[in-house]
Protein backbone atom coordinates (compact mmCIF):
# COMPACT_ATOMS: atom_id res chain seq x y z
CA MET A 1 -26.36 -12.93 34.71
CA LEU A 2 -23.08 -11.73 36.23
CA THR A 3 -22.04 -15.31 36.96
CA LYS A 4 -22.76 -16.39 33.39
CA SER A 5 -20.77 -13.45 31.99
CA TYR A 6 -17.88 -14.22 34.33
CA TYR A 7 -17.97 -17.87 33.24
CA LEU A 8 -17.96 -16.96 29.53
CA ILE A 9 -15.10 -14.48 29.90
CA THR A 10 -13.04 -16.83 32.07
CA ASN A 11 -13.68 -19.75 29.73
CA PHE A 12 -12.58 -17.63 26.74
CA PHE A 13 -9.32 -16.64 28.45
CA ILE A 14 -8.61 -20.21 29.53
CA LYS A 15 -9.23 -21.60 26.02
CA LYS A 16 -6.98 -18.97 24.45
CA GLY A 17 -4.26 -19.61 27.04
CA ILE A 18 -4.27 -15.94 27.99
CA LEU A 19 -4.29 -16.68 31.74
CA LYS A 20 -1.17 -18.80 31.33
CA LEU A 21 0.49 -16.07 29.28
CA ILE A 22 -0.32 -13.49 31.95
CA THR A 23 1.43 -15.71 34.50
CA TYR A 24 4.60 -15.75 32.40
CA TYR A 25 4.44 -11.99 31.85
CA ILE A 26 4.14 -11.57 35.61
CA ILE A 27 7.24 -13.75 36.11
CA ALA A 28 9.17 -11.62 33.61
CA GLY A 29 7.87 -8.44 35.24
CA ILE A 30 8.93 -9.56 38.72
CA ILE A 31 12.42 -10.32 37.41
CA ILE A 32 12.64 -6.88 35.79
CA LEU A 33 11.48 -5.18 39.00
CA MET A 34 13.91 -7.16 41.18
CA ASP A 35 16.74 -6.43 38.78
CA GLN A 36 16.06 -2.71 38.59
CA PHE A 37 15.53 -2.46 42.36
CA THR A 38 18.87 -4.15 43.15
CA LYS A 39 20.59 -1.87 40.63
CA TYR A 40 18.95 1.17 42.24
CA LEU A 41 20.18 0.01 45.66
CA THR A 42 23.65 -0.57 44.26
CA ILE A 43 23.92 2.90 42.73
CA ASN A 44 22.67 4.52 45.94
CA THR A 45 24.65 2.52 48.52
CA ILE A 46 27.93 1.42 46.92
CA ASN A 47 30.59 3.66 45.42
CA LEU A 48 31.82 2.75 41.96
CA GLY A 49 34.50 0.07 42.37
CA GLU A 50 33.92 -0.33 46.12
CA ILE A 51 33.80 -3.91 47.42
CA ILE A 52 31.55 -4.88 50.33
CA ASN A 53 32.27 -8.35 51.72
CA VAL A 54 29.11 -10.24 52.59
CA LEU A 55 30.50 -13.75 53.08
CA PRO A 56 34.31 -13.43 53.08
CA GLY A 57 35.93 -15.72 50.54
CA PHE A 58 32.55 -16.51 49.01
CA LEU A 59 30.38 -13.49 48.13
CA SER A 60 30.76 -9.74 47.96
CA PHE A 61 28.94 -6.81 46.39
CA THR A 62 30.61 -4.22 44.24
CA TYR A 63 29.45 -1.64 41.76
CA ILE A 64 30.77 -1.77 38.22
CA GLN A 65 29.55 -0.31 34.96
CA ASN A 66 29.81 -2.91 32.20
CA THR A 67 29.68 -1.58 28.64
CA GLY A 68 29.99 -5.09 27.22
CA ALA A 69 28.65 -8.56 27.91
CA ALA A 70 30.12 -11.22 30.25
CA TRP A 71 33.83 -10.65 30.86
CA SER A 72 33.26 -7.28 29.11
CA ILE A 73 33.32 -8.90 25.66
CA LEU A 74 32.15 -6.62 22.84
CA GLU A 75 32.78 -3.66 25.11
CA GLY A 76 31.16 -0.43 23.93
CA GLN A 77 29.07 -2.05 21.17
CA MET A 78 25.75 -0.59 22.37
CA ILE A 79 24.05 -0.52 18.95
CA PHE A 80 24.87 -4.21 18.53
CA PHE A 81 23.38 -5.00 21.96
CA TYR A 82 20.24 -2.95 21.20
CA ILE A 83 19.64 -4.80 17.94
CA ILE A 84 20.38 -8.25 19.36
CA THR A 85 18.20 -7.67 22.43
CA ILE A 86 15.23 -6.48 20.35
CA ILE A 87 15.56 -9.49 18.03
CA VAL A 88 15.99 -11.98 20.89
CA VAL A 89 13.10 -10.60 22.96
CA GLY A 90 10.91 -10.58 19.84
CA LEU A 91 11.74 -14.22 19.13
CA LEU A 92 11.18 -15.18 22.78
CA LEU A 93 7.77 -13.48 22.76
CA TYR A 94 6.90 -15.30 19.53
CA PHE A 95 7.89 -18.66 21.04
CA LEU A 96 6.03 -17.90 24.26
CA HIS A 97 2.83 -17.13 22.36
CA ASN A 98 3.09 -19.93 19.80
CA ASP A 99 5.21 -22.86 20.87
CA ALA A 100 5.81 -22.86 24.60
CA LYS A 101 2.24 -22.39 25.90
CA GLY A 102 1.81 -26.13 26.24
CA SER A 103 4.94 -26.56 28.34
CA PRO A 104 5.09 -24.79 31.70
CA LEU A 105 8.83 -25.47 31.96
CA LEU A 106 9.65 -23.99 28.55
CA SER A 107 7.32 -21.04 29.14
CA THR A 108 8.94 -20.35 32.51
CA ALA A 109 12.38 -20.54 30.89
CA ILE A 110 11.31 -18.04 28.25
CA ALA A 111 9.80 -15.73 30.89
CA PHE A 112 13.10 -15.75 32.80
CA MET A 113 15.03 -14.96 29.63
CA ILE A 114 12.64 -12.14 28.66
CA GLY A 115 12.89 -10.62 32.15
CA GLY A 116 16.68 -10.85 32.16
CA ALA A 117 17.10 -9.46 28.66
CA ILE A 118 14.78 -6.51 29.33
CA GLY A 119 16.42 -5.80 32.70
CA ASN A 120 19.83 -5.33 31.08
CA PHE A 121 18.28 -3.59 28.06
CA ILE A 122 16.83 -0.91 30.35
CA ASP A 123 20.34 -0.21 31.69
CA ARG A 124 21.82 0.01 28.22
CA ILE A 125 19.14 2.46 27.11
CA VAL A 126 19.23 4.63 30.28
CA PHE A 127 22.93 4.54 31.23
CA LYS A 128 24.75 3.20 28.14
CA TYR A 129 26.17 0.44 30.39
CA VAL A 130 24.87 -2.42 32.55
CA ILE A 131 25.09 -2.17 36.33
CA ASP A 132 26.66 -5.31 37.81
CA MET A 133 27.13 -5.92 41.52
CA ILE A 134 27.27 -9.59 42.56
CA ARG A 135 30.79 -10.95 42.90
CA LEU A 136 31.69 -14.56 43.65
CA GLU A 137 34.97 -14.63 45.57
CA PHE A 138 35.71 -18.35 45.32
CA ILE A 139 35.97 -18.49 41.52
CA THR A 140 37.18 -16.28 38.70
CA PHE A 141 33.83 -15.27 37.29
CA PRO A 142 32.38 -12.05 35.90
CA ILE A 143 30.54 -9.74 38.26
CA PHE A 144 26.84 -10.07 37.47
CA ASN A 145 23.32 -8.92 38.38
CA VAL A 146 19.79 -10.28 38.83
CA ALA A 147 19.06 -10.03 35.09
CA ASP A 148 22.15 -12.12 34.33
CA MET A 149 21.02 -14.73 36.87
CA ALA A 150 17.56 -14.84 35.28
CA LEU A 151 19.07 -15.29 31.82
CA THR A 152 21.27 -18.12 33.09
CA VAL A 153 18.42 -19.86 34.91
CA GLY A 154 16.22 -19.41 31.84
CA VAL A 155 18.78 -21.03 29.54
CA ILE A 156 19.30 -23.93 31.99
CA LEU A 157 15.53 -24.47 32.25
CA LEU A 158 15.26 -24.33 28.46
CA ILE A 159 17.94 -26.99 28.05
CA ILE A 160 16.29 -29.19 30.69
CA GLY A 161 12.89 -28.67 29.03
CA VAL A 162 14.15 -29.55 25.57
CA ILE A 163 15.95 -32.65 26.85
CA PHE A 164 12.86 -33.66 28.85
CA GLU A 165 10.57 -33.21 25.84
CA GLU A 166 12.94 -35.21 23.61
CA PHE A 167 13.01 -37.97 26.22
CA ILE A 168 9.19 -38.03 26.35
CA LEU A 169 8.92 -38.05 22.53
CA LYS A 170 11.38 -40.98 22.29
CA LYS A 171 9.51 -42.83 25.01
CA GLU A 172 6.14 -42.30 23.29
CA GLY A 173 7.44 -43.03 19.79
């Protein structure tokens, strides 16, 4: 009896794609946890503005409070960021549940973007700024965090996924 119930429940979840969705929510959750943990470590181990060289000429850690986006654009526009983040995360969740379930690559891309967006959103809600700490020394580039990396990887995976799907559609059609 227990085996039959387990089979029915598992079969239901598999048919509805819920197990796949849970996987993508776990990916997003891990990204959020990693992001918040690294920000916690940053706040508690690095003084504001201090630079700690990890690989001289290549990588250092610093602690900055960014009230804008990359390169501090739209600095201080918290209400704008709140609204945009809520809309974007809502759209990403919609796509994850409706369109991306069939494509592991697109679903993974969306999970990365959800995790990254929520990671920075938490900072904006709690602190009114985003904590950034990763600094590339070999290039003029904004200081960033784990959430920013997840957003970037998510967008790259999305582009690759869309190109790949277009290539497959052209090949089949």
